[in-house]
Structure formats: C-alpha cells, structure tokens
C-alpha cells in the first residue's frame, strides 16, 4: 500500500488554502453582484469562515426568491474612519420586484426556516436584507 506524503510545510499549506479560497471567491462572484469588490474580498479573506456561509446563504435565498439578483457589499461603521478590515461586515441584499406583502412573507419564512439558526455562524459579519 502506497503511503501519501503529508505536507507539514506551513507556507505550502497556506498557498494551497489560499488558491482554494480564491477559487471559491471567484465562484461567489458568478452568483452575487459584488459592490465595492475590493472590500468584499478583503472581508472574505479576513474572515474565511464566511465563504461557506455566503455560499449557503445564496442557495437558501434562491429557495425563497428564485432568480433574484443578490448584491454582496461591505458595511463599515461610519464612525470607523480607518476602515480597519476587522470592522467590515458583509451585507447580502436581495433585489426583488415582488409586491411588499409577498416580500415580507417570503423573507419572514426565510428567516424562520434557516437564517435565525445560521446567525451564530455569521458571528456578526453577515447580514441579509431586502433591497428594493
């Protein structure tokens, strides 16, 4: 039986992880419309745990709002003048032309069936909202 060599070199592992994360971010750009792309990418690299959550969030939103455009944009507290990457929060904005009552019902169902349970995973770094 052939043994596989395990890489323990940190630089090599970091490079492989970085390349895989870059591919996943490129995939996110195919489904989300990034606003302020550089800051979105900064947030995703600063908080890599968000990548899988943002992927899953897109799929879950599409269950309730099929075919809608979803923007992914940074939010930085206006009181944070230095734009410290540690203070960036991402916002997924659902762009829909549905009637307000229908939007409210669908968004409430989205929140109740999935988002409220996912909030802990977001660690206050991802918010989902409706954008008209």
Foldseek 3Di string as FASTA:
>chain_A
DDDDDDDPPPVVVVVVVVVVLVVLVVVLVVQAPEDPVVLLVLLCVVPVLVSVVSVVVSVLVCVLVPPWHWYKYWDAPPVPVVPDSVRIAIEIETEDPDDPVSVVVSVVCSCVPPVVVCVVSSVRRYYYYYDD
